[in-house]
């Protein structure tokens, strides 16, 4: 039963995380067109944090009671994760070459209707930074923040 419960929690954590990462990536991609990458990453990470806090609190860990201490601890955990996320993002951005993927939508005459360009360095840095911060937040939430009461 304990293994089933743990796998159920992990599945919910992953689903919540995917939604939060979707918000994070969308905000990061849009803001990075106009702002400094570190500022864009910090704002996008905080946007995803709002999603993940609410989904994990109410759905994954089932802790519906209002607890300002838990919110403070969550903020502390995510401040650490934010530093790891932004730091890792910067390191990987510097390490990866600035290549791009270009996607084009063409009509029947092969005229370009729409073009999407995605930086390999930004995408790679985003993914690696996200994995690093997910590891920290999962362990922190499961064993510290939303720890089951005995």
N, C-alpha and C. Protein backbone atom coordinates (compact mmCIF):
# COMPACT_ATOMS: atom_id res chain seq x y z
N UNK A 1 0.82 -1.20 0.00
CA UNK A 1 0.00 0.00 0.00
C UNK A 1 0.86 1.26 0.00
N UNK A 2 1.97 1.24 0.74
CA UNK A 2 2.83 2.41 0.81
C UNK A 2 3.46 2.71 -0.55
N UNK A 3 3.84 1.65 -1.28
CA UNK A 3 4.42 1.86 -2.61
C UNK A 3 3.39 2.45 -3.56
N UNK A 4 2.16 1.96 -3.48
CA UNK A 4 1.09 2.50 -4.32
C UNK A 4 0.86 3.98 -4.00
N UNK A 5 0.80 4.32 -2.72
CA UNK A 5 0.58 5.71 -2.31
C UNK A 5 1.72 6.61 -2.79
N UNK A 6 2.97 6.12 -2.64
CA UNK A 6 4.13 6.91 -3.08
C UNK A 6 4.11 7.10 -4.59
N UNK A 7 3.76 6.05 -5.35
CA UNK A 7 3.73 6.19 -6.81
C UNK A 7 2.59 7.11 -7.25
N UNK A 8 1.48 7.05 -6.53
CA UNK A 8 0.36 7.94 -6.82
C UNK A 8 0.75 9.40 -6.57
N UNK A 9 1.45 9.65 -5.46
CA UNK A 9 1.91 11.01 -5.16
C UNK A 9 2.92 11.47 -6.20
N UNK A 10 3.84 10.60 -6.57
CA UNK A 10 4.85 10.97 -7.57
C UNK A 10 4.18 11.28 -8.91
N UNK A 11 3.18 10.49 -9.29
CA UNK A 11 2.46 10.75 -10.54
C UNK A 11 1.77 12.11 -10.50
N UNK A 12 1.09 12.40 -9.40
CA UNK A 12 0.42 13.71 -9.26
C UNK A 12 1.45 14.84 -9.25
N UNK A 13 2.59 14.62 -8.57
CA UNK A 13 3.65 15.63 -8.54
C UNK A 13 4.15 15.90 -9.96
N UNK A 14 4.32 14.85 -10.75
CA UNK A 14 4.79 15.00 -12.12
C UNK A 14 3.77 15.74 -12.98
N UNK A 15 2.50 15.38 -12.86
CA UNK A 15 1.45 16.07 -13.63
C UNK A 15 1.39 17.55 -13.25
N UNK A 16 1.42 17.83 -11.95
CA UNK A 16 1.43 19.23 -11.48
C UNK A 16 2.66 19.94 -12.02
N UNK A 17 3.77 19.24 -11.97
CA UNK A 17 5.03 19.81 -12.45
C UNK A 17 5.01 20.11 -13.92
N UNK A 18 4.43 19.22 -14.71
CA UNK A 18 4.35 19.44 -16.16
C UNK A 18 3.53 20.71 -16.45
N UNK A 19 2.43 20.87 -15.75
CA UNK A 19 1.63 22.09 -15.93
C UNK A 19 2.41 23.33 -15.50
N UNK A 20 3.09 23.23 -14.37
CA UNK A 20 3.88 24.37 -13.88
C UNK A 20 5.03 24.68 -14.84
N UNK A 21 5.68 23.65 -15.36
CA UNK A 21 6.77 23.85 -16.31
C UNK A 21 6.24 24.46 -17.60
N UNK A 22 5.03 24.08 -18.00
CA UNK A 22 4.42 24.70 -19.18
C UNK A 22 4.23 26.19 -18.99
N UNK A 23 3.75 26.57 -17.82
CA UNK A 23 3.61 28.00 -17.50
C UNK A 23 4.99 28.65 -17.46
N UNK A 24 5.94 28.00 -16.77
CA UNK A 24 7.30 28.50 -16.65
C UNK A 24 7.91 28.74 -18.04
N UNK A 25 7.84 27.73 -18.91
CA UNK A 25 8.45 27.85 -20.23
C UNK A 25 7.80 28.92 -21.07
N UNK A 26 6.48 28.98 -21.04
CA UNK A 26 5.77 29.98 -21.84
C UNK A 26 6.16 31.39 -21.42
N UNK A 27 6.14 31.63 -20.12
CA UNK A 27 6.51 32.96 -19.61
C UNK A 27 7.98 33.26 -19.93
N UNK A 28 8.86 32.26 -19.73
CA UNK A 28 10.29 32.44 -20.01
C UNK A 28 10.52 32.77 -21.49
N UNK A 29 9.89 32.00 -22.37
CA UNK A 29 10.09 32.21 -23.80
C UNK A 29 9.64 33.61 -24.21
N UNK A 30 8.48 34.03 -23.74
CA UNK A 30 7.97 35.34 -24.11
C UNK A 30 8.84 36.45 -23.53
N UNK A 31 9.14 36.37 -22.24
CA UNK A 31 9.91 37.43 -21.59
C UNK A 31 11.35 37.50 -22.09
N UNK A 32 11.94 36.34 -22.43
CA UNK A 32 13.35 36.36 -22.86
C UNK A 32 13.53 37.06 -24.20
N UNK A 33 12.43 37.33 -24.91
CA UNK A 33 12.51 38.10 -26.14
C UNK A 33 12.75 39.59 -25.85
N UNK A 34 12.43 40.01 -24.62
CA UNK A 34 12.47 41.42 -24.27
C UNK A 34 13.36 41.75 -23.07
N UNK A 35 13.57 40.79 -22.17
CA UNK A 35 14.27 41.04 -20.92
C UNK A 35 15.55 40.22 -20.82
N UNK A 36 16.36 40.55 -19.84
CA UNK A 36 17.56 39.80 -19.52
C UNK A 36 17.18 38.35 -19.21
N UNK A 37 17.98 37.37 -19.65
CA UNK A 37 17.63 35.96 -19.41
C UNK A 37 17.45 35.61 -17.93
N UNK A 38 18.27 36.16 -17.05
CA UNK A 38 18.13 35.84 -15.62
C UNK A 38 16.82 36.39 -15.06
N UNK A 39 16.47 37.60 -15.43
CA UNK A 39 15.21 38.19 -14.97
C UNK A 39 14.02 37.42 -15.55
N UNK A 40 14.11 37.07 -16.82
CA UNK A 40 13.05 36.28 -17.47
C UNK A 40 12.88 34.95 -16.76
N UNK A 41 13.99 34.29 -16.44
CA UNK A 41 13.94 32.99 -15.79
C UNK A 41 13.36 33.11 -14.38
N UNK A 42 13.74 34.14 -13.66
CA UNK A 42 13.23 34.33 -12.30
C UNK A 42 11.72 34.56 -12.30
N UNK A 43 11.25 35.41 -13.19
CA UNK A 43 9.81 35.70 -13.27
C UNK A 43 9.04 34.45 -13.71
N UNK A 44 9.57 33.74 -14.69
CA UNK A 44 8.87 32.55 -15.18
C UNK A 44 8.85 31.46 -14.12
N UNK A 45 9.94 31.31 -13.39
CA UNK A 45 9.99 30.31 -12.32
C UNK A 45 8.96 30.61 -11.25
N UNK A 46 8.83 31.88 -10.88
CA UNK A 46 7.84 32.27 -9.87
C UNK A 46 6.41 32.03 -10.38
N UNK A 47 6.18 32.23 -11.66
CA UNK A 47 4.86 31.95 -12.24
C UNK A 47 4.53 30.47 -12.11
N UNK A 48 5.49 29.62 -12.42
CA UNK A 48 5.30 28.18 -12.27
C UNK A 48 5.15 27.78 -10.81
N UNK A 49 5.82 28.51 -9.93
CA UNK A 49 5.74 28.22 -8.50
C UNK A 49 4.32 28.39 -7.97
N UNK A 50 3.62 29.40 -8.43
CA UNK A 50 2.24 29.63 -8.00
C UNK A 50 1.37 28.43 -8.40
N UNK A 51 1.57 27.94 -9.62
CA UNK A 51 0.80 26.78 -10.11
C UNK A 51 1.12 25.55 -9.26
N UNK A 52 2.40 25.28 -9.08
CA UNK A 52 2.79 24.06 -8.38
C UNK A 52 2.40 24.09 -6.90
N UNK A 53 2.47 25.24 -6.26
CA UNK A 53 2.07 25.30 -4.85
C UNK A 53 0.62 24.90 -4.68
N UNK A 54 -0.23 25.51 -5.47
CA UNK A 54 -1.67 25.23 -5.34
C UNK A 54 -2.03 23.80 -5.73
N UNK A 55 -1.47 23.31 -6.82
CA UNK A 55 -1.79 21.94 -7.23
C UNK A 55 -1.24 20.92 -6.25
N UNK A 56 -0.01 21.10 -5.80
CA UNK A 56 0.57 20.13 -4.87
C UNK A 56 -0.07 20.19 -3.49
N UNK A 57 -0.37 21.38 -3.04
CA UNK A 57 -0.97 21.51 -1.71
C UNK A 57 -2.33 20.82 -1.67
N UNK A 58 -3.17 21.12 -2.63
CA UNK A 58 -4.54 20.62 -2.59
C UNK A 58 -4.72 19.23 -3.23
N UNK A 59 -3.92 18.90 -4.23
CA UNK A 59 -4.15 17.67 -4.98
C UNK A 59 -3.13 16.59 -4.63
N UNK A 60 -1.83 16.89 -4.77
CA UNK A 60 -0.81 15.87 -4.55
C UNK A 60 -0.71 15.45 -3.09
N UNK A 61 -0.54 16.45 -2.21
CA UNK A 61 -0.28 16.15 -0.80
C UNK A 61 -1.54 16.27 0.07
N UNK A 62 -2.63 16.76 -0.51
CA UNK A 62 -3.92 16.87 0.19
C UNK A 62 -3.81 17.55 1.56
N UNK A 63 -3.36 18.78 1.53
CA UNK A 63 -3.19 19.58 2.75
C UNK A 63 -4.01 20.87 2.60
N UNK A 64 -5.34 20.79 2.64
CA UNK A 64 -6.17 21.94 2.32
C UNK A 64 -6.23 23.03 3.40
N UNK A 65 -5.78 22.72 4.62
CA UNK A 65 -5.89 23.73 5.66
C UNK A 65 -4.97 24.92 5.39
N UNK A 66 -5.42 26.07 5.85
CA UNK A 66 -4.63 27.29 5.68
C UNK A 66 -3.49 27.24 6.70
N UNK A 67 -2.28 27.41 6.21
CA UNK A 67 -1.12 27.33 7.07
C UNK A 67 -0.07 28.31 6.55
N UNK A 68 0.00 29.47 7.17
CA UNK A 68 0.94 30.49 6.72
C UNK A 68 2.39 30.05 6.93
N UNK A 69 2.63 29.21 7.94
CA UNK A 69 3.99 28.70 8.16
C UNK A 69 4.41 27.84 6.97
N UNK A 70 3.49 26.99 6.50
CA UNK A 70 3.80 26.14 5.36
C UNK A 70 4.08 26.99 4.12
N UNK A 71 3.32 28.05 3.93
CA UNK A 71 3.57 28.94 2.79
C UNK A 71 4.95 29.57 2.89
N UNK A 72 5.34 29.97 4.10
CA UNK A 72 6.68 30.54 4.31
C UNK A 72 7.76 29.49 4.02
N UNK A 73 7.56 28.26 4.51
CA UNK A 73 8.52 27.19 4.26
C UNK A 73 8.59 26.85 2.77
N UNK A 74 7.42 26.84 2.12
CA UNK A 74 7.37 26.59 0.68
C UNK A 74 8.16 27.67 -0.05
N UNK A 75 7.97 28.91 0.35
CA UNK A 75 8.70 30.02 -0.28
C UNK A 75 10.20 29.88 -0.07
N UNK A 76 10.60 29.42 1.11
CA UNK A 76 12.02 29.21 1.39
C UNK A 76 12.58 28.10 0.51
N UNK A 77 11.84 26.99 0.41
CA UNK A 77 12.26 25.88 -0.44
C UNK A 77 12.39 26.33 -1.89
N UNK A 78 11.42 27.09 -2.35
CA UNK A 78 11.45 27.53 -3.74
C UNK A 78 12.45 28.66 -3.98
N UNK A 79 12.81 29.40 -2.96
CA UNK A 79 13.89 30.39 -3.10
C UNK A 79 15.21 29.65 -3.38
N UNK A 80 15.43 28.56 -2.64
CA UNK A 80 16.62 27.74 -2.89
C UNK A 80 16.56 27.14 -4.30
N UNK A 81 15.40 26.58 -4.65
CA UNK A 81 15.24 26.00 -5.99
C UNK A 81 15.40 27.06 -7.08
N UNK A 82 14.92 28.28 -6.81
CA UNK A 82 15.07 29.38 -7.78
C UNK A 82 16.54 29.69 -8.01
N UNK A 83 17.31 29.76 -6.93
CA UNK A 83 18.75 30.04 -7.07
C UNK A 83 19.43 28.95 -7.89
N UNK A 84 19.09 27.69 -7.61
CA UNK A 84 19.66 26.58 -8.36
C UNK A 84 19.20 26.65 -9.82
N UNK A 85 17.93 26.96 -10.05
CA UNK A 85 17.37 27.02 -11.38
C UNK A 85 18.03 28.12 -12.22
N UNK A 86 18.07 29.32 -11.68
CA UNK A 86 18.65 30.45 -12.43
C UNK A 86 20.15 30.25 -12.61
N UNK A 87 20.83 29.79 -11.57
CA UNK A 87 22.27 29.55 -11.67
C UNK A 87 22.60 28.49 -12.71
N UNK A 88 21.87 27.39 -12.67
CA UNK A 88 22.08 26.31 -13.65
C UNK A 88 21.76 26.81 -15.06
N UNK A 89 20.68 27.56 -15.20
CA UNK A 89 20.30 28.13 -16.49
C UNK A 89 21.44 28.98 -17.06
N UNK A 90 22.02 29.83 -16.22
CA UNK A 90 23.12 30.70 -16.68
C UNK A 90 24.35 29.90 -17.07
N UNK A 91 24.70 28.89 -16.27
CA UNK A 91 25.87 28.06 -16.57
C UNK A 91 25.70 27.34 -17.90
N UNK A 92 24.52 26.77 -18.10
CA UNK A 92 24.27 26.01 -19.33
C UNK A 92 24.16 26.95 -20.54
N UNK A 93 23.57 28.12 -20.35
CA UNK A 93 23.51 29.09 -21.46
C UNK A 93 24.92 29.45 -21.93
N UNK A 94 25.85 29.60 -20.98
CA UNK A 94 27.23 29.93 -21.35
C UNK A 94 27.95 28.74 -21.98
N UNK A 95 27.56 27.52 -21.61
CA UNK A 95 28.26 26.33 -22.08
C UNK A 95 27.79 25.85 -23.45
N UNK A 96 26.52 26.05 -23.76
CA UNK A 96 25.98 25.55 -25.03
C UNK A 96 26.18 26.55 -26.16
N UNK A 97 26.39 26.05 -27.37
CA UNK A 97 26.50 26.97 -28.51
C UNK A 97 25.14 27.60 -28.80
N UNK A 98 25.16 28.75 -29.41
CA UNK A 98 23.94 29.51 -29.68
C UNK A 98 23.35 29.10 -31.04
N UNK A 99 22.99 27.82 -31.17
CA UNK A 99 22.34 27.33 -32.38
C UNK A 99 20.83 27.51 -32.23
N UNK A 100 20.15 27.51 -33.36
CA UNK A 100 18.69 27.63 -33.32
C UNK A 100 18.04 26.55 -34.18
N UNK A 101 16.83 26.17 -33.79
CA UNK A 101 15.94 25.37 -34.62
C UNK A 101 14.97 26.34 -35.24
N UNK A 102 14.73 26.20 -36.53
CA UNK A 102 13.74 27.02 -37.20
C UNK A 102 12.63 26.12 -37.72
N UNK A 103 11.42 26.50 -37.43
CA UNK A 103 10.25 25.79 -37.92
C UNK A 103 9.47 26.76 -38.80
N UNK A 104 9.11 26.30 -39.98
CA UNK A 104 8.37 27.15 -40.90
C UNK A 104 7.06 26.51 -41.28
N UNK A 105 6.05 27.33 -41.42
CA UNK A 105 4.76 26.90 -41.94
C UNK A 105 4.65 27.51 -43.33
N UNK A 106 4.52 26.63 -44.33
CA UNK A 106 4.49 27.09 -45.71
C UNK A 106 3.13 26.81 -46.34
N UNK A 107 2.77 27.64 -47.33
CA UNK A 107 1.56 27.35 -48.11
C UNK A 107 1.95 26.43 -49.28
N UNK A 108 1.01 26.15 -50.17
CA UNK A 108 1.28 25.22 -51.27
C UNK A 108 2.34 25.74 -52.24
N UNK A 109 2.58 27.05 -52.28
CA UNK A 109 3.62 27.62 -53.13
C UNK A 109 4.97 27.67 -52.41
N UNK A 110 5.00 27.10 -51.21
CA UNK A 110 6.18 27.08 -50.35
C UNK A 110 6.59 28.47 -49.86
N UNK A 111 5.66 29.40 -49.89
CA UNK A 111 5.92 30.71 -49.27
C UNK A 111 5.78 30.54 -47.76
N UNK A 112 6.68 31.16 -47.03
CA UNK A 112 6.64 31.05 -45.57
C UNK A 112 5.50 31.89 -45.02
N UNK A 113 4.62 31.23 -44.31
CA UNK A 113 3.49 31.92 -43.67
C UNK A 113 3.87 32.32 -42.25
N UNK A 114 4.51 31.40 -41.55
CA UNK A 114 4.88 31.64 -40.15
C UNK A 114 6.19 30.93 -39.88
N UNK A 115 7.08 31.55 -39.11
CA UNK A 115 8.35 30.95 -38.74
C UNK A 115 8.52 31.05 -37.23
N UNK A 116 8.94 29.95 -36.64
CA UNK A 116 9.23 29.90 -35.21
C UNK A 116 10.69 29.52 -35.06
N UNK A 117 11.43 30.32 -34.32
CA UNK A 117 12.84 30.04 -34.09
C UNK A 117 13.03 29.80 -32.59
N UNK A 118 13.62 28.65 -32.26
CA UNK A 118 13.87 28.29 -30.86
C UNK A 118 15.37 28.12 -30.67
N UNK A 119 15.93 28.82 -29.72
CA UNK A 119 17.35 28.70 -29.42
C UNK A 119 17.65 27.39 -28.71
N UNK A 120 18.59 26.63 -29.25
CA UNK A 120 18.99 25.36 -28.63
C UNK A 120 19.57 25.62 -27.25
N UNK A 121 20.35 26.69 -27.12
CA UNK A 121 20.94 26.99 -25.83
C UNK A 121 19.86 27.31 -24.79
N UNK A 122 18.86 28.08 -25.17
CA UNK A 122 17.78 28.41 -24.23
C UNK A 122 16.97 27.19 -23.85
N UNK A 123 16.64 26.36 -24.84
CA UNK A 123 15.85 25.16 -24.57
C UNK A 123 16.63 24.17 -23.70
N UNK A 124 17.88 23.94 -24.05
CA UNK A 124 18.72 23.03 -23.27
C UNK A 124 18.93 23.52 -21.85
N UNK A 125 19.21 24.81 -21.71
CA UNK A 125 19.42 25.38 -20.38
C UNK A 125 18.14 25.30 -19.56
N UNK A 126 17.01 25.57 -20.19
CA UNK A 126 15.73 25.49 -19.50
C UNK A 126 15.48 24.09 -18.97
N UNK A 127 15.70 23.08 -19.81
CA UNK A 127 15.43 21.69 -19.42
C UNK A 127 16.34 21.25 -18.28
N UNK A 128 17.62 21.50 -18.40
CA UNK A 128 18.57 21.07 -17.36
C UNK A 128 18.33 21.82 -16.05
N UNK A 129 18.06 23.11 -16.12
CA UNK A 129 17.76 23.88 -14.91
C UNK A 129 16.48 23.39 -14.24
N UNK A 130 15.50 23.04 -15.05
CA UNK A 130 14.23 22.53 -14.52
C UNK A 130 14.44 21.20 -13.81
N UNK A 131 15.20 20.29 -14.39
CA UNK A 131 15.46 18.99 -13.76
C UNK A 131 16.17 19.18 -12.42
N UNK A 132 17.14 20.08 -12.38
CA UNK A 132 17.86 20.32 -11.12
C UNK A 132 16.93 20.84 -10.03
N UNK A 133 16.07 21.78 -10.36
CA UNK A 133 15.18 22.35 -9.34
C UNK A 133 14.05 21.39 -8.98
N UNK A 134 13.60 20.56 -9.91
CA UNK A 134 12.55 19.57 -9.61
C UNK A 134 13.04 18.58 -8.56
N UNK A 135 14.27 18.13 -8.68
CA UNK A 135 14.81 17.19 -7.71
C UNK A 135 14.79 17.79 -6.31
N UNK A 136 15.19 19.03 -6.19
CA UNK A 136 15.20 19.71 -4.89
C UNK A 136 13.79 19.88 -4.35
N UNK A 137 12.87 20.31 -5.19
CA UNK A 137 11.52 20.59 -4.70
C UNK A 137 10.75 19.33 -4.36
N UNK A 138 10.97 18.24 -5.10
CA UNK A 138 10.26 17.00 -4.78
C UNK A 138 10.70 16.48 -3.40
N UNK A 139 11.98 16.39 -3.20
CA UNK A 139 12.49 15.90 -1.91
C UNK A 139 12.05 16.84 -0.79
N UNK A 140 12.15 18.12 -1.02
CA UNK A 140 11.75 19.09 0.00
C UNK A 140 10.27 19.03 0.33
N UNK A 141 9.43 18.88 -0.67
CA UNK A 141 7.99 18.81 -0.41
C UNK A 141 7.60 17.50 0.26
N UNK A 142 8.11 16.39 -0.25
CA UNK A 142 7.70 15.08 0.27
C UNK A 142 8.19 14.84 1.69
N UNK A 143 9.45 15.17 1.96
CA UNK A 143 10.04 14.80 3.24
C UNK A 143 10.15 15.93 4.25
N UNK A 144 9.79 17.14 3.85
CA UNK A 144 9.94 18.25 4.77
C UNK A 144 8.64 19.07 4.85
N UNK A 145 8.19 19.57 3.74
CA UNK A 145 7.08 20.53 3.73
C UNK A 145 5.71 19.88 3.92
N UNK A 146 5.42 18.85 3.15
CA UNK A 146 4.11 18.19 3.22
C UNK A 146 4.25 16.79 3.82
N UNK A 147 5.20 16.63 4.70
CA UNK A 147 5.45 15.34 5.34
C UNK A 147 4.19 14.85 6.02
N UNK A 148 3.88 13.56 5.81
CA UNK A 148 2.69 12.97 6.42
C UNK A 148 2.82 12.98 7.93
N UNK A 149 1.73 13.36 8.59
CA UNK A 149 1.73 13.38 10.05
C UNK A 149 1.50 11.97 10.57
N UNK A 150 2.29 11.57 11.57
CA UNK A 150 2.15 10.23 12.15
C UNK A 150 1.01 10.15 13.11
